[in-house]
Amino acid sequence: MKPFYWALITATLTVSSCASMSPEECMVADWRQIGLQDGNAGYNNQQLARHQKACTKANITPDFNQYRLGYQEGLKNYCQPQNVFSLAMQGRGDINVCPSQQQTLLGPFYHVPHDYVEAKKEVENQIENLERIDRRLRDKLSDDERRHYHSERRSAHLRLRQAEAEYDHQAYRLRDFQRMHNVY
């Protein structure tokens, strides 16, 4: 087999289930493997529609049955407390893909790290906003514009303090949850 095809097959087997696939990936796709990877990653069922859209451009129809078999197997792996927790800490995954009877048990393993990650992002957003205002204040401004940006800076500083307080709360909640459930 030519090196190009080996590289193509290897790329397909390690596909990270992006929103789309290349025509070459579609042609050699192992749909069960792709479904397995999507399920392992906690992707929702819209991922198959994205693959289908990408492969339609190459006149390739995904093997839905093989994809679903792999996807269901992947969800069994994903819908485990430690895995849900780990992916949520990375800002990934979706608890709603798990069977409804498991969602109650898995909910805290998703929501606690998810809330922590969201609080951290909000602090980062508020810092960026404050930096943007500070850069603007270094520009040549009229007196009215300068007053406006100083007022905006005070409000942004208050929002940052609130975001930091929420982050501290979520960090405490996360540490407590980790101790209670031995997840990291």
N, C-alpha and C. Protein backbone atom coordinates (compact mmCIF):
# COMPACT_ATOMS: atom_id res chain seq x y z
N MET A 1 0.85 -1.18 0.00
CA MET A 1 0.00 0.00 0.00
C MET A 1 0.89 1.24 0.00
N LYS A 2 0.48 2.25 -0.71
CA LYS A 2 1.28 3.47 -0.82
C LYS A 2 1.28 4.24 0.50
N PRO A 3 2.38 4.96 0.81
CA PRO A 3 2.47 5.72 2.06
C PRO A 3 1.32 6.71 2.24
N PHE A 4 0.88 7.31 1.13
CA PHE A 4 -0.22 8.28 1.23
C PHE A 4 -1.47 7.65 1.83
N TYR A 5 -1.78 6.43 1.37
CA TYR A 5 -2.98 5.76 1.87
C TYR A 5 -2.84 5.34 3.32
N TRP A 6 -1.64 4.93 3.73
CA TRP A 6 -1.41 4.61 5.14
C TRP A 6 -1.62 5.86 6.00
N ALA A 7 -1.10 6.98 5.54
CA ALA A 7 -1.27 8.23 6.28
C ALA A 7 -2.75 8.61 6.36
N LEU A 8 -3.45 8.39 5.25
CA LEU A 8 -4.87 8.71 5.21
C LEU A 8 -5.66 7.82 6.16
N ILE A 9 -5.35 6.55 6.19
CA ILE A 9 -6.05 5.63 7.09
C ILE A 9 -5.73 5.98 8.54
N THR A 10 -4.47 6.26 8.82
CA THR A 10 -4.08 6.64 10.18
C THR A 10 -4.80 7.91 10.60
N ALA A 11 -4.88 8.88 9.70
CA ALA A 11 -5.58 10.14 10.02
C ALA A 11 -7.05 9.87 10.31
N THR A 12 -7.64 8.96 9.56
CA THR A 12 -9.05 8.65 9.75
C THR A 12 -9.27 7.98 11.10
N LEU A 13 -8.39 7.06 11.46
CA LEU A 13 -8.56 6.36 12.73
C LEU A 13 -8.35 7.28 13.92
N THR A 14 -7.59 8.34 13.73
CA THR A 14 -7.35 9.25 14.84
C THR A 14 -8.12 10.54 14.67
N VAL A 15 -9.12 10.51 13.80
CA VAL A 15 -9.91 11.72 13.55
C VAL A 15 -10.46 12.24 14.87
N SER A 16 -10.37 13.52 15.08
CA SER A 16 -10.81 14.09 16.34
C SER A 16 -12.27 14.53 16.27
N SER A 17 -12.97 14.07 15.29
CA SER A 17 -14.39 14.36 15.15
C SER A 17 -14.67 15.84 15.12
N CYS A 18 -13.97 16.51 14.21
CA CYS A 18 -14.22 17.93 14.02
C CYS A 18 -15.62 18.13 13.47
N ALA A 19 -16.00 19.39 13.31
CA ALA A 19 -17.32 19.69 12.78
C ALA A 19 -17.45 19.18 11.35
N SER A 20 -16.35 18.97 10.67
CA SER A 20 -16.41 18.47 9.30
C SER A 20 -15.26 17.51 9.07
N MET A 21 -15.40 16.77 7.98
CA MET A 21 -14.35 15.83 7.57
C MET A 21 -13.95 16.19 6.15
N SER A 22 -12.73 15.86 5.79
CA SER A 22 -12.28 16.09 4.42
C SER A 22 -12.88 15.01 3.52
N PRO A 23 -12.95 15.25 2.22
CA PRO A 23 -13.45 14.22 1.31
C PRO A 23 -12.63 12.92 1.41
N GLU A 24 -11.32 13.06 1.60
CA GLU A 24 -10.46 11.88 1.73
C GLU A 24 -10.82 11.08 2.97
N GLU A 25 -11.07 11.77 4.08
CA GLU A 25 -11.47 11.08 5.31
C GLU A 25 -12.81 10.38 5.12
N CYS A 26 -13.72 11.02 4.41
CA CYS A 26 -15.03 10.42 4.16
C CYS A 26 -14.91 9.13 3.36
N MET A 27 -13.99 9.12 2.40
CA MET A 27 -13.85 7.95 1.52
C MET A 27 -13.34 6.71 2.26
N VAL A 28 -12.50 6.90 3.26
CA VAL A 28 -11.92 5.74 3.96
C VAL A 28 -12.43 5.62 5.39
N ALA A 29 -13.51 6.32 5.71
CA ALA A 29 -13.99 6.39 7.09
C ALA A 29 -14.45 5.03 7.61
N ASP A 30 -14.06 4.75 8.82
CA ASP A 30 -14.59 3.62 9.59
C ASP A 30 -15.67 4.22 10.47
N TRP A 31 -16.91 4.14 10.03
CA TRP A 31 -18.01 4.86 10.70
C TRP A 31 -18.25 4.38 12.11
N ARG A 32 -18.00 3.12 12.38
CA ARG A 32 -18.14 2.64 13.75
C ARG A 32 -17.09 3.32 14.65
N GLN A 33 -15.85 3.42 14.14
CA GLN A 33 -14.77 4.06 14.90
C GLN A 33 -15.07 5.55 15.12
N ILE A 34 -15.59 6.21 14.10
CA ILE A 34 -15.92 7.63 14.23
C ILE A 34 -17.04 7.81 15.25
N GLY A 35 -18.06 6.93 15.20
CA GLY A 35 -19.13 6.97 16.19
C GLY A 35 -18.60 6.73 17.60
N LEU A 36 -17.68 5.78 17.73
CA LEU A 36 -17.06 5.49 19.02
C LEU A 36 -16.34 6.72 19.57
N GLN A 37 -15.56 7.38 18.71
CA GLN A 37 -14.83 8.57 19.14
C GLN A 37 -15.78 9.70 19.53
N ASP A 38 -16.84 9.88 18.76
CA ASP A 38 -17.82 10.93 19.08
C ASP A 38 -18.52 10.63 20.40
N GLY A 39 -18.89 9.37 20.61
CA GLY A 39 -19.51 8.98 21.88
C GLY A 39 -18.56 9.14 23.05
N ASN A 40 -17.31 8.70 22.87
CA ASN A 40 -16.30 8.85 23.93
C ASN A 40 -16.10 10.30 24.32
N ALA A 41 -16.24 11.21 23.35
CA ALA A 41 -16.04 12.64 23.60
C ALA A 41 -17.28 13.32 24.17
N GLY A 42 -18.40 12.60 24.24
CA GLY A 42 -19.62 13.19 24.78
C GLY A 42 -20.30 14.14 23.80
N TYR A 43 -20.02 13.98 22.51
CA TYR A 43 -20.69 14.83 21.52
C TYR A 43 -22.17 14.47 21.44
N ASN A 44 -22.99 15.45 21.10
CA ASN A 44 -24.42 15.17 20.95
C ASN A 44 -24.67 14.58 19.56
N ASN A 45 -25.93 14.21 19.31
CA ASN A 45 -26.25 13.52 18.06
C ASN A 45 -26.17 14.41 16.83
N GLN A 46 -25.91 15.69 17.00
CA GLN A 46 -25.74 16.58 15.86
C GLN A 46 -24.40 16.35 15.16
N GLN A 47 -23.49 15.66 15.82
CA GLN A 47 -22.17 15.41 15.23
C GLN A 47 -22.29 14.58 13.96
N LEU A 48 -23.18 13.59 13.95
CA LEU A 48 -23.36 12.78 12.75
C LEU A 48 -23.88 13.64 11.61
N ALA A 49 -24.77 14.57 11.89
CA ALA A 49 -25.28 15.46 10.84
C ALA A 49 -24.14 16.30 10.26
N ARG A 50 -23.19 16.72 11.10
CA ARG A 50 -22.04 17.48 10.60
C ARG A 50 -21.17 16.62 9.68
N HIS A 51 -20.96 15.37 10.10
CA HIS A 51 -20.19 14.45 9.26
C HIS A 51 -20.92 14.22 7.93
N GLN A 52 -22.23 14.01 8.02
CA GLN A 52 -23.01 13.75 6.81
C GLN A 52 -22.91 14.94 5.84
N LYS A 53 -23.02 16.14 6.38
CA LYS A 53 -22.93 17.34 5.54
C LYS A 53 -21.57 17.43 4.86
N ALA A 54 -20.52 17.17 5.62
CA ALA A 54 -19.17 17.23 5.05
C ALA A 54 -18.98 16.16 3.98
N CYS A 55 -19.50 14.96 4.23
CA CYS A 55 -19.28 13.86 3.29
C CYS A 55 -20.18 13.93 2.07
N THR A 56 -21.30 14.62 2.18
CA THR A 56 -22.17 14.81 1.03
C THR A 56 -21.43 15.53 -0.09
N LYS A 57 -20.55 16.44 0.28
CA LYS A 57 -19.75 17.17 -0.71
C LYS A 57 -18.86 16.22 -1.52
N ALA A 58 -18.53 15.06 -0.92
CA ALA A 58 -17.70 14.07 -1.60
C ALA A 58 -18.56 12.93 -2.16
N ASN A 59 -19.87 13.11 -2.15
CA ASN A 59 -20.82 12.08 -2.60
C ASN A 59 -20.67 10.77 -1.82
N ILE A 60 -20.39 10.91 -0.52
CA ILE A 60 -20.25 9.75 0.36
C ILE A 60 -21.39 9.81 1.39
N THR A 61 -22.04 8.68 1.59
CA THR A 61 -23.09 8.59 2.60
C THR A 61 -22.54 7.83 3.79
N PRO A 62 -22.58 8.41 4.97
CA PRO A 62 -22.10 7.69 6.15
C PRO A 62 -22.91 6.42 6.39
N ASP A 63 -22.26 5.43 6.96
CA ASP A 63 -22.95 4.20 7.35
C ASP A 63 -23.57 4.46 8.72
N PHE A 64 -24.85 4.86 8.71
CA PHE A 64 -25.54 5.27 9.93
C PHE A 64 -25.58 4.16 10.98
N ASN A 65 -25.82 2.93 10.54
CA ASN A 65 -25.91 1.82 11.50
C ASN A 65 -24.59 1.59 12.21
N GLN A 66 -23.49 1.59 11.45
CA GLN A 66 -22.18 1.41 12.07
C GLN A 66 -21.83 2.58 12.98
N TYR A 67 -22.16 3.79 12.54
CA TYR A 67 -21.90 4.97 13.37
C TYR A 67 -22.65 4.84 14.70
N ARG A 68 -23.94 4.50 14.64
CA ARG A 68 -24.75 4.41 15.86
C ARG A 68 -24.23 3.33 16.81
N LEU A 69 -23.80 2.19 16.25
CA LEU A 69 -23.23 1.14 17.10
C LEU A 69 -22.00 1.67 17.85
N GLY A 70 -21.10 2.32 17.12
CA GLY A 70 -19.91 2.89 17.75
C GLY A 70 -20.25 3.99 18.73
N TYR A 71 -21.21 4.85 18.35
CA TYR A 71 -21.61 5.97 19.20
C TYR A 71 -22.19 5.47 20.53
N GLN A 72 -23.05 4.47 20.47
CA GLN A 72 -23.64 3.92 21.71
C GLN A 72 -22.56 3.30 22.61
N GLU A 73 -21.61 2.62 21.99
CA GLU A 73 -20.49 2.06 22.75
C GLU A 73 -19.66 3.18 23.38
N GLY A 74 -19.42 4.23 22.62
CA GLY A 74 -18.67 5.38 23.13
C GLY A 74 -19.39 6.06 24.28
N LEU A 75 -20.71 6.18 24.18
CA LEU A 75 -21.48 6.80 25.27
C LEU A 75 -21.37 6.00 26.56
N LYS A 76 -21.29 4.67 26.45
CA LYS A 76 -21.11 3.85 27.66
C LYS A 76 -19.80 4.23 28.35
N ASN A 77 -18.78 4.50 27.55
CA ASN A 77 -17.49 4.93 28.11
C ASN A 77 -17.59 6.34 28.66
N TYR A 78 -18.22 7.24 27.90
CA TYR A 78 -18.32 8.64 28.31
C TYR A 78 -19.13 8.80 29.59
N CYS A 79 -20.24 8.10 29.68
CA CYS A 79 -21.20 8.31 30.78
C CYS A 79 -20.75 7.61 32.06
N GLN A 80 -19.51 7.82 32.44
CA GLN A 80 -18.93 7.34 33.69
C GLN A 80 -18.54 8.58 34.51
N PRO A 81 -18.77 8.56 35.82
CA PRO A 81 -18.52 9.77 36.62
C PRO A 81 -17.16 10.42 36.41
N GLN A 82 -16.07 9.67 36.48
CA GLN A 82 -14.74 10.26 36.34
C GLN A 82 -14.55 10.88 34.96
N ASN A 83 -15.04 10.21 33.94
CA ASN A 83 -14.88 10.71 32.58
C ASN A 83 -15.69 11.97 32.35
N VAL A 84 -16.94 11.98 32.80
CA VAL A 84 -17.79 13.17 32.67
C VAL A 84 -17.12 14.35 33.39
N PHE A 85 -16.60 14.08 34.58
CA PHE A 85 -15.92 15.11 35.37
C PHE A 85 -14.70 15.65 34.63
N SER A 86 -13.85 14.75 34.14
CA SER A 86 -12.61 15.16 33.46
C SER A 86 -12.88 16.00 32.22
N LEU A 87 -13.84 15.58 31.41
CA LEU A 87 -14.15 16.35 30.21
C LEU A 87 -14.79 17.69 30.55
N ALA A 88 -15.63 17.72 31.57
CA ALA A 88 -16.24 18.99 31.98
C ALA A 88 -15.17 19.96 32.48
N MET A 89 -14.13 19.45 33.13
CA MET A 89 -13.02 20.30 33.57
C MET A 89 -12.28 20.92 32.38
N GLN A 90 -12.38 20.28 31.22
CA GLN A 90 -11.77 20.80 30.00
C GLN A 90 -12.75 21.66 29.20
N GLY A 91 -13.94 21.85 29.76
CA GLY A 91 -14.96 22.63 29.05
C GLY A 91 -15.59 21.86 27.91
N ARG A 92 -15.57 20.54 28.01
CA ARG A 92 -16.10 19.69 26.93
C ARG A 92 -17.17 18.76 27.49
N GLY A 93 -17.81 18.06 26.57
CA GLY A 93 -18.82 17.08 26.94
C GLY A 93 -20.20 17.69 27.09
N ASP A 94 -21.18 16.81 27.22
CA ASP A 94 -22.57 17.23 27.34
C ASP A 94 -23.30 16.14 28.11
N ILE A 95 -23.73 16.44 29.29
CA ILE A 95 -24.41 15.47 30.15
C ILE A 95 -25.70 14.97 29.53
N ASN A 96 -26.31 15.76 28.69
CA ASN A 96 -27.59 15.38 28.09
C ASN A 96 -27.49 14.24 27.10
N VAL A 97 -26.29 13.83 26.70
CA VAL A 97 -26.14 12.70 25.79
C VAL A 97 -26.28 11.38 26.52
N CYS A 98 -26.14 11.40 27.83
CA CYS A 98 -26.23 10.18 28.63
C CYS A 98 -27.70 9.78 28.80
N PRO A 99 -27.95 8.48 28.99
CA PRO A 99 -29.33 8.05 29.22
C PRO A 99 -29.94 8.80 30.41
N SER A 100 -31.22 9.11 30.29
CA SER A 100 -31.88 9.94 31.31
C SER A 100 -31.77 9.35 32.70
N GLN A 101 -31.81 8.04 32.84
CA GLN A 101 -31.70 7.44 34.17
C GLN A 101 -30.33 7.65 34.80
N GLN A 102 -29.30 7.94 34.00
CA GLN A 102 -27.96 8.20 34.53
C GLN A 102 -27.71 9.68 34.78
N GLN A 103 -28.49 10.54 34.17
CA GLN A 103 -28.23 11.97 34.26
C GLN A 103 -28.31 12.50 35.68
N THR A 104 -29.21 11.97 36.48
CA THR A 104 -29.32 12.43 37.88
C THR A 104 -28.04 12.12 38.65
N LEU A 105 -27.54 10.91 38.48
CA LEU A 105 -26.31 10.51 39.16
C LEU A 105 -25.11 11.29 38.63
N LEU A 106 -25.05 11.47 37.31
CA LEU A 106 -23.89 12.12 36.69
C LEU A 106 -23.94 13.64 36.73
N GLY A 107 -25.13 14.19 36.98
CA GLY A 107 -25.30 15.65 36.95
C GLY A 107 -24.24 16.42 37.73
N PRO A 108 -24.03 16.09 39.00
CA PRO A 108 -23.02 16.84 39.76
C PRO A 108 -21.60 16.68 39.20
N PHE A 109 -21.30 15.52 38.61
CA PHE A 109 -19.97 15.29 38.04
C PHE A 109 -19.74 16.15 36.79
N TYR A 110 -20.83 16.64 36.22
CA TYR A 110 -20.73 17.56 35.09
C TYR A 110 -20.87 19.01 35.53
N HIS A 111 -21.90 19.29 36.33
CA HIS A 111 -22.23 20.68 36.64
C HIS A 111 -21.20 21.37 37.55
N VAL A 112 -20.66 20.67 38.51
CA VAL A 112 -19.68 21.30 39.41
C VAL A 112 -18.45 21.76 38.63
N PRO A 113 -17.78 20.90 37.84
CA PRO A 113 -16.63 21.40 37.08
C PRO A 113 -17.04 22.38 35.97
N HIS A 114 -18.21 22.17 35.37
CA HIS A 114 -18.68 23.07 34.32
C HIS A 114 -18.87 24.48 34.89
N ASP A 115 -19.50 24.59 36.05
CA ASP A 115 -19.71 25.90 36.68
C ASP A 115 -18.39 26.56 37.03
N TYR A 116 -17.42 25.76 37.47
CA TYR A 116 -16.08 26.28 37.77
C TYR A 116 -15.42 26.84 36.51
N VAL A 117 -15.47 26.07 35.43
CA VAL A 117 -14.85 26.50 34.16
C VAL A 117 -15.52 27.77 33.65
N GLU A 118 -16.85 27.85 33.74
CA GLU A 118 -17.57 29.03 33.28
C GLU A 118 -17.22 30.25 34.14
N ALA A 119 -17.08 30.06 35.45
CA ALA A 119 -16.71 31.17 36.33
C ALA A 119 -15.29 31.67 35.99
N LYS A 120 -14.40 30.74 35.70
CA LYS A 120 -13.03 31.10 35.33
C LYS A 120 -13.03 31.91 34.02
N LYS A 121 -13.82 31.45 33.05
CA LYS A 121 -13.93 32.17 31.77
C LYS A 121 -14.47 33.58 31.99
N GLU A 122 -15.43 33.72 32.89
CA GLU A 122 -16.02 35.04 33.14
C GLU A 122 -14.98 35.98 33.74
N VAL A 123 -14.15 35.50 34.64
CA VAL A 123 -13.07 36.33 35.19
C VAL A 123 -12.14 36.77 34.05
N GLU A 124 -11.78 35.83 33.20
CA GLU A 124 -10.89 36.16 32.07
C GLU A 124 -11.54 37.20 31.15
N ASN A 125 -12.82 37.04 30.89
CA ASN A 125 -13.54 38.01 30.05
C ASN A 125 -13.55 39.40 30.68
N GLN A 126 -13.78 39.46 31.98
CA GLN A 126 -13.83 40.75 32.67
C GLN A 126 -12.44 41.40 32.70
N ILE A 127 -11.40 40.61 32.84
CA ILE A 127 -10.04 41.15 32.80
C ILE A 127 -9.75 41.73 31.41
N GLU A 128 -10.13 40.98 30.37
CA GLU A 128 -9.94 41.48 29.00
C GLU A 128 -10.72 42.78 28.78
N ASN A 129 -11.93 42.86 29.29
CA ASN A 129 -12.75 44.06 29.16
C ASN A 129 -12.07 45.24 29.85
N LEU A 130 -11.56 45.02 31.04
CA LEU A 130 -10.88 46.07 31.78
C LEU A 130 -9.62 46.53 31.04
N GLU A 131 -8.88 45.58 30.48
CA GLU A 131 -7.68 45.93 29.71
C GLU A 131 -8.05 46.72 28.45
N ARG A 132 -9.15 46.37 27.81
CA ARG A 132 -9.61 47.10 26.63
C ARG A 132 -9.94 48.54 27.00
N ILE A 133 -10.61 48.73 28.14
CA ILE A 133 -10.95 50.08 28.60
C ILE A 133 -9.68 50.86 28.93
N ASP A 134 -8.73 50.21 29.61
CA ASP A 134 -7.46 50.87 29.94
C ASP A 134 -6.70 51.29 28.69
N ARG A 135 -6.70 50.43 27.67
CA ARG A 135 -6.04 50.81 26.40
C ARG A 135 -6.73 52.02 25.79
N ARG A 136 -8.04 52.03 25.85
CA ARG A 136 -8.81 53.14 25.29
C ARG A 136 -8.51 54.43 26.06
N LEU A 137 -8.33 54.34 27.37
CA LEU A 137 -8.03 55.53 28.18
C LEU A 137 -6.64 56.10 27.87
N ARG A 138 -5.77 55.29 27.30
CA ARG A 138 -4.44 55.79 26.92
C ARG A 138 -4.50 56.57 25.61
N ASP A 139 -5.60 56.44 24.88
CA ASP A 139 -5.78 57.17 23.63
C ASP A 139 -6.07 58.64 23.91
N LYS A 140 -5.95 59.43 22.89
CA LYS A 140 -6.32 60.84 23.00
C LYS A 140 -7.85 60.91 22.96
N LEU A 141 -8.43 61.42 24.04
CA LEU A 141 -9.89 61.46 24.18
C LEU A 141 -10.34 62.86 24.57
N SER A 142 -11.57 63.15 24.25
CA SER A 142 -12.17 64.40 24.73
C SER A 142 -12.47 64.22 26.22
N ASP A 143 -12.75 65.31 26.90
CA ASP A 143 -13.07 65.23 28.33
C ASP A 143 -14.30 64.36 28.57
N ASP A 144 -15.32 64.52 27.72
CA ASP A 144 -16.54 63.71 27.86
C ASP A 144 -16.24 62.23 27.65
N GLU A 145 -15.44 61.91 26.64
CA GLU A 145 -15.08 60.51 26.38
C GLU A 145 -14.28 59.93 27.55
N ARG A 146 -13.35 60.74 28.07
CA ARG A 146 -12.54 60.28 29.20
C ARG A 146 -13.42 60.00 30.41
N ARG A 147 -14.38 60.89 30.71
CA ARG A 147 -15.31 60.66 31.83
C ARG A 147 -16.11 59.38 31.60
N HIS A 148 -16.56 59.22 30.36
CA HIS A 148 -17.33 58.02 30.01
C HIS A 148 -16.51 56.75 30.27
N TYR A 149 -15.27 56.72 29.81
CA TYR A 149 -14.44 55.52 29.98
C TYR A 149 -14.03 55.31 31.44
N HIS A 150 -13.85 56.38 32.20
CA HIS A 150 -13.57 56.21 33.63
C HIS A 150 -14.79 55.60 34.33
N SER A 151 -15.97 56.05 33.96
CA SER A 151 -17.20 55.48 34.52
C SER A 151 -17.33 54.01 34.12
N GLU A 152 -17.05 53.73 32.85
CA GLU A 152 -17.12 52.36 32.36
C GLU A 152 -16.09 51.48 33.07
N ARG A 153 -14.92 52.07 33.35
CA ARG A 153 -13.87 51.32 34.05
C ARG A 153 -14.31 50.96 35.47
N ARG A 154 -14.94 51.90 36.17
CA ARG A 154 -15.43 51.60 37.52
C ARG A 154 -16.45 50.45 37.48
N SER A 155 -17.36 50.51 36.52
CA SER A 155 -18.35 49.44 36.38
C SER A 155 -17.68 48.11 36.04
N ALA A 156 -16.70 48.16 35.15
CA ALA A 156 -15.99 46.94 34.76
C ALA A 156 -15.22 46.36 35.94
N HIS A 157 -14.64 47.24 36.74
CA HIS A 157 -13.90 46.78 37.93
C HIS A 157 -14.86 46.09 38.90
N LEU A 158 -16.04 46.64 39.08
CA LEU A 158 -17.06 46.02 39.95
C LEU A 158 -17.47 44.65 39.40
N ARG A 159 -17.69 44.56 38.08
CA ARG A 159 -18.05 43.27 37.47
C ARG A 159 -16.92 42.25 37.65
N LEU A 160 -15.67 42.72 37.55
CA LEU A 160 -14.54 41.83 37.76
C LEU A 160 -14.54 41.30 39.19
N ARG A 161 -14.75 42.17 40.16
CA ARG A 161 -14.79 41.74 41.57
C ARG A 161 -15.90 40.71 41.79
N GLN A 162 -17.06 40.94 41.18
CA GLN A 162 -18.17 39.98 41.30
C GLN A 162 -17.81 38.64 40.65
N ALA A 163 -17.19 38.70 39.49
CA ALA A 163 -16.78 37.48 38.79
C ALA A 163 -15.73 36.72 39.61
N GLU A 164 -14.81 37.46 40.24
CA GLU A 164 -13.80 36.82 41.08
C GLU A 164 -14.43 36.15 42.31
N ALA A 165 -15.43 36.80 42.88
CA ALA A 165 -16.13 36.21 44.03
C ALA A 165 -16.84 34.93 43.61
N GLU A 166 -17.48 34.95 42.45
CA GLU A 166 -18.15 33.74 41.95
C GLU A 166 -17.13 32.65 41.65
N TYR A 167 -16.00 33.03 41.08
CA TYR A 167 -14.94 32.06 40.79
C TYR A 167 -14.44 31.43 42.10
N ASP A 168 -14.19 32.25 43.12
CA ASP A 168 -13.74 31.72 44.41
C ASP A 168 -14.75 30.74 44.98
N HIS A 169 -16.03 31.09 44.87
CA HIS A 169 -17.10 30.20 45.35
C HIS A 169 -17.08 28.87 44.59
N GLN A 170 -16.96 28.95 43.26
CA GLN A 170 -16.96 27.72 42.44
C GLN A 170 -15.70 26.90 42.68
N ALA A 171 -14.57 27.55 42.92
CA ALA A 171 -13.33 26.83 43.20
C ALA A 171 -13.45 26.07 44.52
N TYR A 172 -14.05 26.70 45.54
CA TYR A 172 -14.27 26.04 46.82
C TYR A 172 -15.21 24.85 46.63
N ARG A 173 -16.28 25.07 45.89
CA ARG A 173 -17.27 24.02 45.62
C ARG A 173 -16.61 22.85 44.89
N LEU A 174 -15.74 23.16 43.93
CA LEU A 174 -15.03 22.12 43.18
C LEU A 174 -14.10 21.32 44.09
N ARG A 175 -13.30 22.01 44.90
CA ARG A 175 -12.37 21.30 45.81
C ARG A 175 -13.14 20.40 46.77
N ASP A 176 -14.25 20.89 47.29
CA ASP A 176 -15.07 20.11 48.20
C ASP A 176 -15.62 18.87 47.49
N PHE A 177 -16.10 19.05 46.28
CA PHE A 177 -16.65 17.94 45.50
C PHE A 177 -15.56 16.91 45.20
N GLN A 178 -14.37 17.39 44.85
CA GLN A 178 -13.26 16.48 44.55
C GLN A 178 -12.90 15.64 45.78
N ARG A 179 -12.86 16.26 46.94
CA ARG A 179 -12.56 15.52 48.16
C ARG A 179 -13.64 14.48 48.46
N MET A 180 -14.89 14.88 48.32
CA MET A 180 -16.01 13.98 48.66
C MET A 180 -16.10 12.80 47.70
N HIS A 181 -15.79 13.01 46.42
CA HIS A 181 -15.99 11.98 45.42
C HIS A 181 -14.70 11.40 44.85
N ASN A 182 -13.56 11.87 45.37
CA ASN A 182 -12.25 11.37 44.95
C ASN A 182 -12.09 11.41 43.42
N VAL A 183 -12.42 12.56 42.83
CA VAL A 183 -12.25 12.78 41.39
C VAL A 183 -11.31 13.95 41.19
N TYR A 184 -10.47 13.85 40.16
CA TYR A 184 -9.50 14.92 39.90
C TYR A 184 -9.27 15.14 38.46
